[in-house]
Amino acid sequence: MTKAKPDQSCFSSEAKPPSCCKVESIVSVDERGQMVLPKEIREKARIKPGDKLAVVSWEKDGEICCISLLKTEGFVETIKEMLGPMIKELT
């Protein structure tokens, strides 16, 4: 009998943190503030037209120093799982 593997999605609380980060691409911001995610990145991340991405920022000394994009499909469920028990305790 095989043991079921736990969810190892990027957003799972059981997922191992990445061993390193890497620069996938460098993009430019146009005069309207828009950027294009390169096709190779979209394909690798399985990002399709209409997908929602959360913009996450980190601040250092009062200025944003890092910006990441997270696919919301798994992100929302993980946040609900994390906050659910805390909300129940408050009510």
PDB file of N, CA and C in Angstrom:
ATOM      1  N   MET A   1       0.850  -1.183   0.000  1.00  0.00           N
ATOM      2  CA  MET A   1       0.000   0.000   0.000  1.00  0.00           C
ATOM      3  C   MET A   1       0.890   1.240   0.000  1.00  0.00           C
ATOM      4  N   THR A   2       0.672   2.140  -0.958  1.00  0.00           N
ATOM      5  CA  THR A   2       1.503   3.332  -1.046  1.00  0.00           C
ATOM      6  C   THR A   2       0.887   4.453  -0.248  1.00  0.00           C
ATOM      7  N   LYS A   3       1.756   5.261   0.312  1.00  0.00           N
ATOM      8  CA  LYS A   3       1.321   6.403   1.115  1.00  0.00           C
ATOM      9  C   LYS A   3       1.104   7.601   0.194  1.00  0.00           C
ATOM     10  N   ALA A   4      -0.011   8.284   0.366  1.00  0.00           N
ATOM     11  CA  ALA A   4      -0.305   9.462  -0.459  1.00  0.00           C
ATOM     12  C   ALA A   4       0.683  10.564  -0.138  1.00  0.00           C
ATOM     13  N   LYS A   5       1.153  11.222  -1.180  1.00  0.00           N
ATOM     14  CA  LYS A   5       2.079  12.337  -0.996  1.00  0.00           C
ATOM     15  C   LYS A   5       1.305  13.583  -0.594  1.00  0.00           C
ATOM     16  N   PRO A   6       1.852  14.382   0.327  1.00  0.00           N
ATOM     17  CA  PRO A   6       1.175  15.635   0.673  1.00  0.00           C
ATOM     18  C   PRO A   6       1.242  16.598  -0.495  1.00  0.00           C
ATOM     19  N   ASP A   7       0.326  17.565  -0.498  1.00  0.00           N
ATOM     20  CA  ASP A   7       0.312  18.590  -1.540  1.00  0.00           C
ATOM     21  C   ASP A   7       1.638  19.339  -1.523  1.00  0.00           C
ATOM     22  N   GLN A   8       2.355  19.338  -2.629  1.00  0.00           N
ATOM     23  CA  GLN A   8       3.645  20.017  -2.714  1.00  0.00           C
ATOM     24  C   GLN A   8       3.585  21.211  -3.664  1.00  0.00           C
ATOM     25  N   SER A   9       2.418  21.881  -3.754  1.00  0.00           N
ATOM     26  CA  SER A   9       2.314  23.054  -4.600  1.00  0.00           C
ATOM     27  C   SER A   9       3.170  24.169  -4.013  1.00  0.00           C
ATOM     28  N   CYS A  10       3.379  25.196  -4.790  1.00  0.00           N
ATOM     29  CA  CYS A  10       4.197  26.321  -4.328  1.00  0.00           C
ATOM     30  C   CYS A  10       3.642  26.948  -3.060  1.00  0.00           C
ATOM     31  N   PHE A  11       2.321  26.861  -2.874  1.00  0.00           N
ATOM     32  CA  PHE A  11       1.689  27.550  -1.771  1.00  0.00           C
ATOM     33  C   PHE A  11       1.406  26.656  -0.585  1.00  0.00           C
ATOM     34  N   SER A  12       1.694  25.381  -0.687  1.00  0.00           N
ATOM     35  CA  SER A  12       1.421  24.460   0.403  1.00  0.00           C
ATOM     36  C   SER A  12       2.301  24.780   1.598  1.00  0.00           C
ATOM     37  N   SER A  13       1.706  24.700   2.786  1.00  0.00           N
ATOM     38  CA  SER A  13       2.491  24.946   3.993  1.00  0.00           C
ATOM     39  C   SER A  13       3.528  23.851   4.203  1.00  0.00           C
ATOM     40  N   GLU A  14       3.351  22.708   3.511  1.00  0.00           N
ATOM     41  CA  GLU A  14       4.290  21.603   3.630  1.00  0.00           C
ATOM     42  C   GLU A  14       5.364  21.637   2.543  1.00  0.00           C
ATOM     43  N   ALA A  15       5.226  22.529   1.577  1.00  0.00           N
ATOM     44  CA  ALA A  15       6.197  22.599   0.487  1.00  0.00           C
ATOM     45  C   ALA A  15       7.534  23.093   1.020  1.00  0.00           C
ATOM     46  N   LYS A  16       8.585  22.545   0.486  1.00  0.00           N
ATOM     47  CA  LYS A  16       9.922  22.980   0.886  1.00  0.00           C
ATOM     48  C   LYS A  16      10.212  24.320   0.233  1.00  0.00           C
ATOM     49  N   PRO A  17      10.883  25.227   0.950  1.00  0.00           N
ATOM     50  CA  PRO A  17      11.224  26.505   0.330  1.00  0.00           C
ATOM     51  C   PRO A  17      12.226  26.283  -0.799  1.00  0.00           C
ATOM     52  N   PRO A  18      12.211  27.148  -1.800  1.00  0.00           N
ATOM     53  CA  PRO A  18      13.153  26.977  -2.901  1.00  0.00           C
ATOM     54  C   PRO A  18      14.587  27.093  -2.402  1.00  0.00           C
ATOM     55  N   SER A  19      15.472  26.310  -2.995  1.00  0.00           N
ATOM     56  CA  SER A  19      16.865  26.331  -2.565  1.00  0.00           C
ATOM     57  C   SER A  19      17.557  27.604  -3.036  1.00  0.00           C
ATOM     58  N   CYS A  20      17.048  28.217  -4.078  1.00  0.00           N
ATOM     59  CA  CYS A  20      17.631  29.473  -4.546  1.00  0.00           C
ATOM     60  C   CYS A  20      16.637  30.169  -5.459  1.00  0.00           C
ATOM     61  N   CYS A  21      16.903  31.394  -5.714  1.00  0.00           N
ATOM     62  CA  CYS A  21      16.109  32.162  -6.670  1.00  0.00           C
ATOM     63  C   CYS A  21      16.983  32.399  -7.886  1.00  0.00           C
ATOM     64  N   LYS A  22      16.345  32.614  -9.000  1.00  0.00           N
ATOM     65  CA  LYS A  22      17.137  32.937 -10.183  1.00  0.00           C
ATOM     66  C   LYS A  22      16.411  33.971 -11.015  1.00  0.00           C
ATOM     67  N   VAL A  23      17.177  34.729 -11.737  1.00  0.00           N
ATOM     68  CA  VAL A  23      16.613  35.726 -12.637  1.00  0.00           C
ATOM     69  C   VAL A  23      16.185  34.982 -13.896  1.00  0.00           C
ATOM     70  N   GLU A  24      14.902  34.975 -14.153  1.00  0.00           N
ATOM     71  CA  GLU A  24      14.362  34.300 -15.333  1.00  0.00           C
ATOM     72  C   GLU A  24      14.439  35.197 -16.562  1.00  0.00           C
ATOM     73  N   SER A  25      14.281  36.489 -16.336  1.00  0.00           N
ATOM     74  CA  SER A  25      14.203  37.416 -17.449  1.00  0.00           C
ATOM     75  C   SER A  25      14.300  38.839 -16.915  1.00  0.00           C
ATOM     76  N   ILE A  26      14.623  39.751 -17.769  1.00  0.00           N
ATOM     77  CA  ILE A  26      14.574  41.177 -17.432  1.00  0.00           C
ATOM     78  C   ILE A  26      13.557  41.804 -18.370  1.00  0.00           C
ATOM     79  N   VAL A  27      12.594  42.519 -17.776  1.00  0.00           N
ATOM     80  CA  VAL A  27      11.540  43.144 -18.568  1.00  0.00           C
ATOM     81  C   VAL A  27      11.602  44.652 -18.386  1.00  0.00           C
ATOM     82  N   SER A  28      11.043  45.361 -19.337  1.00  0.00           N
ATOM     83  CA  SER A  28      10.982  46.824 -19.278  1.00  0.00           C
ATOM     84  C   SER A  28       9.559  47.267 -18.973  1.00  0.00           C
ATOM     85  N   VAL A  29       9.444  48.402 -18.338  1.00  0.00           N
ATOM     86  CA  VAL A  29       8.146  49.011 -18.050  1.00  0.00           C
ATOM     87  C   VAL A  29       7.939  50.120 -19.073  1.00  0.00           C
ATOM     88  N   ASP A  30       6.794  50.108 -19.756  1.00  0.00           N
ATOM     89  CA  ASP A  30       6.550  51.150 -20.753  1.00  0.00           C
ATOM     90  C   ASP A  30       5.976  52.406 -20.095  1.00  0.00           C
ATOM     91  N   GLU A  31       5.707  53.421 -20.896  1.00  0.00           N
ATOM     92  CA  GLU A  31       5.241  54.708 -20.369  1.00  0.00           C
ATOM     93  C   GLU A  31       3.900  54.613 -19.656  1.00  0.00           C
ATOM     94  N   ARG A  32       3.119  53.560 -19.923  1.00  0.00           N
ATOM     95  CA  ARG A  32       1.842  53.367 -19.237  1.00  0.00           C
ATOM     96  C   ARG A  32       1.983  52.465 -18.010  1.00  0.00           C
ATOM     97  N   GLY A  33       3.202  52.047 -17.690  1.00  0.00           N
ATOM     98  CA  GLY A  33       3.435  51.205 -16.521  1.00  0.00           C
ATOM     99  C   GLY A  33       3.225  49.726 -16.783  1.00  0.00           C
ATOM    100  N   GLN A  34       3.124  49.344 -18.051  1.00  0.00           N
ATOM    101  CA  GLN A  34       2.863  47.952 -18.387  1.00  0.00           C
ATOM    102  C   GLN A  34       4.149  47.187 -18.684  1.00  0.00           C
ATOM    103  N   MET A  35       4.111  45.878 -18.401  1.00  0.00           N
ATOM    104  CA  MET A  35       5.224  44.982 -18.678  1.00  0.00           C
ATOM    105  C   MET A  35       4.676  43.777 -19.421  1.00  0.00           C
ATOM    106  N   VAL A  36       5.537  43.078 -20.128  1.00  0.00           N
ATOM    107  CA  VAL A  36       5.153  41.845 -20.799  1.00  0.00           C
ATOM    108  C   VAL A  36       5.963  40.711 -20.184  1.00  0.00           C
ATOM    109  N   LEU A  37       5.256  39.670 -19.725  1.00  0.00           N
ATOM    110  CA  LEU A  37       5.944  38.470 -19.258  1.00  0.00           C
ATOM    111  C   LEU A  37       6.333  37.670 -20.495  1.00  0.00           C
ATOM    112  N   PRO A  38       7.601  37.331 -20.636  1.00  0.00           N
ATOM    113  CA  PRO A  38       8.024  36.588 -21.825  1.00  0.00           C
ATOM    114  C   PRO A  38       7.257  35.270 -21.973  1.00  0.00           C
ATOM    115  N   LYS A  39       7.040  34.870 -23.218  1.00  0.00           N
ATOM    116  CA  LYS A  39       6.285  33.669 -23.534  1.00  0.00           C
ATOM    117  C   LYS A  39       6.844  32.442 -22.815  1.00  0.00           C
ATOM    118  N   GLU A  40       8.166  32.314 -22.776  1.00  0.00           N
ATOM    119  CA  GLU A  40       8.795  31.154 -22.131  1.00  0.00           C
ATOM    120  C   GLU A  40       8.416  31.074 -20.648  1.00  0.00           C
ATOM    121  N   ILE A  41       8.358  32.222 -19.974  1.00  0.00           N
ATOM    122  CA  ILE A  41       7.994  32.268 -18.558  1.00  0.00           C
ATOM    123  C   ILE A  41       6.524  31.892 -18.387  1.00  0.00           C
ATOM    124  N   ARG A  42       5.659  32.473 -19.238  1.00  0.00           N
ATOM    125  CA  ARG A  42       4.230  32.158 -19.157  1.00  0.00           C
ATOM    126  C   ARG A  42       3.986  30.673 -19.368  1.00  0.00           C
ATOM    127  N   GLU A  43       4.667  30.095 -20.336  1.00  0.00           N
ATOM    128  CA  GLU A  43       4.495  28.657 -20.589  1.00  0.00           C
ATOM    129  C   GLU A  43       5.000  27.821 -19.418  1.00  0.00           C
ATOM    130  N   LYS A  44       6.170  28.147 -18.915  1.00  0.00           N
ATOM    131  CA  LYS A  44       6.767  27.399 -17.805  1.00  0.00           C
ATOM    132  C   LYS A  44       5.887  27.473 -16.552  1.00  0.00           C
ATOM    133  N   ALA A  45       5.296  28.648 -16.300  1.00  0.00           N
ATOM    134  CA  ALA A  45       4.439  28.860 -15.129  1.00  0.00           C
ATOM    135  C   ALA A  45       2.975  28.510 -15.413  1.00  0.00           C
ATOM    136  N   ARG A  46       2.694  28.108 -16.631  1.00  0.00           N
ATOM    137  CA  ARG A  46       1.320  27.786 -17.054  1.00  0.00           C
ATOM    138  C   ARG A  46       0.358  28.950 -16.811  1.00  0.00           C
ATOM    139  N   ILE A  47       0.814  30.135 -17.168  1.00  0.00           N
ATOM    140  CA  ILE A  47      -0.017  31.337 -17.051  1.00  0.00           C
ATOM    141  C   ILE A  47      -0.736  31.531 -18.380  1.00  0.00           C
ATOM    142  N   LYS A  48      -2.063  31.610 -18.292  1.00  0.00           N
ATOM    143  CA  LYS A  48      -2.890  31.756 -19.475  1.00  0.00           C
ATOM    144  C   LYS A  48      -3.622  33.096 -19.434  1.00  0.00           C
ATOM    145  N   PRO A  49      -4.100  33.577 -20.591  1.00  0.00           N
ATOM    146  CA  PRO A  49      -4.887  34.812 -20.591  1.00  0.00           C
ATOM    147  C   PRO A  49      -6.045  34.705 -19.597  1.00  0.00           C
ATOM    148  N   GLY A  50      -6.235  35.739 -18.810  1.00  0.00           N
ATOM    149  CA  GLY A  50      -7.314  35.765 -17.825  1.00  0.00           C
ATOM    150  C   GLY A  50      -6.887  35.297 -16.441  1.00  0.00           C
ATOM    151  N   ASP A  51      -5.717  34.638 -16.323  1.00  0.00           N
ATOM    152  CA  ASP A  51      -5.229  34.225 -15.006  1.00  0.00           C
ATOM    153  C   ASP A  51      -4.972  35.444 -14.135  1.00  0.00           C
ATOM    154  N   LYS A  52      -5.190  35.293 -12.848  1.00  0.00           N
ATOM    155  CA  LYS A  52      -4.948  36.363 -11.891  1.00  0.00           C
ATOM    156  C   LYS A  52      -3.610  36.129 -11.199  1.00  0.00           C
ATOM    157  N   LEU A  53      -2.843  37.195 -11.028  1.00  0.00           N
ATOM    158  CA  LEU A  53      -1.562  37.144 -10.330  1.00  0.00           C
ATOM    159  C   LEU A  53      -1.594  38.140  -9.181  1.00  0.00           C
ATOM    160  N   ALA A  54      -1.117  37.715  -8.020  1.00  0.00           N
ATOM    161  CA  ALA A  54      -1.002  38.628  -6.876  1.00  0.00           C
ATOM    162  C   ALA A  54       0.374  39.291  -6.938  1.00  0.00           C
ATOM    163  N   VAL A  55       0.396  40.594  -6.748  1.00  0.00           N
ATOM    164  CA  VAL A  55       1.652  41.337  -6.705  1.00  0.00           C
ATOM    165  C   VAL A  55       2.041  41.453  -5.232  1.00  0.00           C
ATOM    166  N   VAL A  56       3.165  40.860  -4.880  1.00  0.00           N
ATOM    167  CA  VAL A  56       3.636  40.835  -3.498  1.00  0.00           C
ATOM    168  C   VAL A  56       4.915  41.648  -3.426  1.00  0.00           C
ATOM    169  N   SER A  57       4.986  42.547  -2.455  1.00  0.00           N
ATOM    170  CA  SER A  57       6.181  43.389  -2.331  1.00  0.00           C
ATOM    171  C   SER A  57       6.794  43.265  -0.946  1.00  0.00           C
ATOM    172  N   TRP A  58       8.079  43.490  -0.876  1.00  0.00           N
ATOM    173  CA  TRP A  58       8.812  43.535   0.380  1.00  0.00           C
ATOM    174  C   TRP A  58       9.428  44.914   0.501  1.00  0.00           C
ATOM    175  N   GLU A  59       9.391  45.442   1.728  1.00  0.00           N
ATOM    176  CA  GLU A  59       9.959  46.761   1.970  1.00  0.00           C
ATOM    177  C   GLU A  59      11.208  46.662   2.817  1.00  0.00           C
ATOM    178  N   LYS A  60      12.134  47.560   2.548  1.00  0.00           N
ATOM    179  CA  LYS A  60      13.340  47.695   3.354  1.00  0.00           C
ATOM    180  C   LYS A  60      13.597  49.193   3.481  1.00  0.00           C
ATOM    181  N   ASP A  61      13.742  49.641   4.695  1.00  0.00           N
ATOM    182  CA  ASP A  61      13.982  51.066   4.963  1.00  0.00           C
ATOM    183  C   ASP A  61      12.920  51.952   4.320  1.00  0.00           C
ATOM    184  N   GLY A  62      11.661  51.493   4.337  1.00  0.00           N
ATOM    185  CA  GLY A  62      10.552  52.303   3.842  1.00  0.00           C
ATOM    186  C   GLY A  62      10.381  52.313   2.330  1.00  0.00           C
ATOM    187  N   GLU A  63      11.193  51.562   1.607  1.00  0.00           N
ATOM    188  CA  GLU A  63      11.078  51.514   0.153  1.00  0.00           C
ATOM    189  C   GLU A  63      10.892  50.073  -0.300  1.00  0.00           C
ATOM    190  N   ILE A  64      10.122  49.895  -1.355  1.00  0.00           N
ATOM    191  CA  ILE A  64       9.934  48.551  -1.908  1.00  0.00           C
ATOM    192  C   ILE A  64      11.235  48.141  -2.583  1.00  0.00           C
ATOM    193  N   CYS A  65      11.743  46.983  -2.160  1.00  0.00           N
ATOM    194  CA  CYS A  65      13.008  46.506  -2.725  1.00  0.00           C
ATOM    195  C   CYS A  65      12.837  45.261  -3.583  1.00  0.00           C
ATOM    196  N   CYS A  66      11.702  44.569  -3.451  1.00  0.00           N
ATOM    197  CA  CYS A  66      11.504  43.331  -4.191  1.00  0.00           C
ATOM    198  C   CYS A  66      10.023  43.179  -4.513  1.00  0.00           C
ATOM    199  N   ILE A  67       9.739  42.750  -5.730  1.00  0.00           N
ATOM    200  CA  ILE A  67       8.362  42.524  -6.169  1.00  0.00           C
ATOM    201  C   ILE A  67       8.298  41.130  -6.772  1.00  0.00           C
ATOM    202  N   SER A  68       7.296  40.364  -6.362  1.00  0.00           N
ATOM    203  CA  SER A  68       7.077  39.021  -6.908  1.00  0.00           C
ATOM    204  C   SER A  68       5.650  38.896  -7.407  1.00  0.00           C
ATOM    205  N   LEU A  69       5.453  37.997  -8.352  1.00  0.00           N
ATOM    206  CA  LEU A  69       4.115  37.676  -8.847  1.00  0.00           C
ATOM    207  C   LEU A  69       3.792  36.259  -8.423  1.00  0.00           C
ATOM    208  N   LEU A  70       2.601  36.060  -7.861  1.00  0.00           N
ATOM    209  CA  LEU A  70       2.150  34.735  -7.448  1.00  0.00           C
ATOM    210  C   LEU A  70       0.832  34.424  -8.132  1.00  0.00           C
ATOM    211  N   LYS A  71       0.714  33.215  -8.669  1.00  0.00           N
ATOM    212  CA  LYS A  71      -0.566  32.802  -9.249  1.00  0.00           C
ATOM    213  C   LYS A  71      -1.575  32.690  -8.113  1.00  0.00           C
ATOM    214  N   THR A  72      -2.731  33.304  -8.270  1.00  0.00           N
ATOM    215  CA  THR A  72      -3.700  33.356  -7.183  1.00  0.00           C
ATOM    216  C   THR A  72      -4.481  32.063  -7.001  1.00  0.00           C
ATOM    217  N   GLU A  73      -4.498  31.187  -7.992  1.00  0.00           N
ATOM    218  CA  GLU A  73      -5.330  29.984  -7.889  1.00  0.00           C
ATOM    219  C   GLU A  73      -5.006  29.158  -6.651  1.00  0.00           C
ATOM    220  N   GLY A  74      -3.762  28.971  -6.306  1.00  0.00           N
ATOM    221  CA  GLY A  74      -3.389  28.226  -5.109  1.00  0.00           C
ATOM    222  C   GLY A  74      -3.195  29.126  -3.911  1.00  0.00           C
ATOM    223  N   PHE A  75      -2.841  30.355  -4.160  1.00  0.00           N
ATOM    224  CA  PHE A  75      -2.550  31.323  -3.113  1.00  0.00           C
ATOM    225  C   PHE A  75      -3.773  31.582  -2.243  1.00  0.00           C
ATOM    226  N   VAL A  76      -4.920  31.770  -2.864  1.00  0.00           N
ATOM    227  CA  VAL A  76      -6.158  32.078  -2.138  1.00  0.00           C
ATOM    228  C   VAL A  76      -6.524  30.927  -1.206  1.00  0.00           C
ATOM    229  N   GLU A  77      -6.455  29.706  -1.704  1.00  0.00           N
ATOM    230  CA  GLU A  77      -6.805  28.551  -0.875  1.00  0.00           C
ATOM    231  C   GLU A  77      -5.863  28.405   0.317  1.00  0.00           C
ATOM    232  N   THR A  78      -4.584  28.637   0.105  1.00  0.00           N
ATOM    233  CA  THR A  78      -3.616  28.534   1.204  1.00  0.00           C
ATOM    234  C   THR A  78      -3.887  29.588   2.264  1.00  0.00           C
ATOM    235  N   ILE A  79      -4.200  30.809   1.856  1.00  0.00           N
ATOM    236  CA  ILE A  79      -4.503  31.879   2.809  1.00  0.00           C
ATOM    237  C   ILE A  79      -5.745  31.503   3.617  1.00  0.00           C
ATOM    238  N   LYS A  80      -6.764  30.952   2.949  1.00  0.00           N
ATOM    239  CA  LYS A  80      -7.970  30.529   3.659  1.00  0.00           C
ATOM    240  C   LYS A  80      -7.636  29.455   4.690  1.00  0.00           C
ATOM    241  N   GLU A  81      -6.785  28.492   4.309  1.00  0.00           N
ATOM    242  CA  GLU A  81      -6.388  27.425   5.234  1.00  0.00           C
ATOM    243  C   GLU A  81      -5.632  27.994   6.433  1.00  0.00           C
ATOM    244  N   MET A  82      -4.760  28.967   6.176  1.00  0.00           N
ATOM    245  CA  MET A  82      -3.953  29.543   7.246  1.00  0.00           C
ATOM    246  C   MET A  82      -4.782  30.417   8.178  1.00  0.00           C
ATOM    247  N   LEU A  83      -5.687  31.207   7.615  1.00  0.00           N
ATOM    248  CA  LEU A  83      -6.464  32.151   8.413  1.00  0.00           C
ATOM    249  C   LEU A  83      -7.715  31.534   9.029  1.00  0.00           C
ATOM    250  N   GLY A  84      -8.219  30.453   8.435  1.00  0.00           N
ATOM    251  CA  GLY A  84      -9.445  29.821   8.918  1.00  0.00           C
ATOM    252  C   GLY A  84      -9.448  29.549  10.401  1.00  0.00           C
ATOM    253  N   PRO A  85      -8.437  28.822  10.942  1.00  0.00           N
ATOM    254  CA  PRO A  85      -8.418  28.543  12.374  1.00  0.00           C
ATOM    255  C   PRO A  85      -8.344  29.808  13.237  1.00  0.00           C
ATOM    256  N   MET A  86      -7.609  30.818  12.782  1.00  0.00           N
ATOM    257  CA  MET A  86      -7.493  32.058  13.567  1.00  0.00           C
ATOM    258  C   MET A  86      -8.833  32.781  13.596  1.00  0.00           C
ATOM    259  N   ILE A  87      -9.546  32.794  12.479  1.00  0.00           N
ATOM    260  CA  ILE A  87     -10.853  33.472  12.430  1.00  0.00           C
ATOM    261  C   ILE A  87     -11.844  32.752  13.335  1.00  0.00           C
ATOM    262  N   LYS A  88     -11.810  31.425  13.338  1.00  0.00           N
ATOM    263  CA  LYS A  88     -12.717  30.660  14.198  1.00  0.00           C
ATOM    264  C   LYS A  88     -12.454  30.970  15.667  1.00  0.00           C
ATOM    265  N   GLU A  89     -11.186  31.150  16.041  1.00  0.00           N
ATOM    266  CA  GLU A  89     -10.843  31.477  17.423  1.00  0.00           C
ATOM    267  C   GLU A  89     -11.368  32.844  17.828  1.00  0.00           C
ATOM    268  N   LEU A  90     -11.429  33.777  16.880  1.00  0.00           N
ATOM    269  CA  LEU A  90     -11.876  35.140  17.179  1.00  0.00           C
ATOM    270  C   LEU A  90     -13.387  35.244  17.281  1.00  0.00           C
ATOM    271  N   THR A  91     -14.105  34.318  16.674  1.00  0.00           N
ATOM    272  CA  THR A  91     -15.579  34.423  16.670  1.00  0.00           C
ATOM    273  C   THR A  91     -16.194  33.595  17.756  1.00  0.00           C
TER     274      THR A  91
END
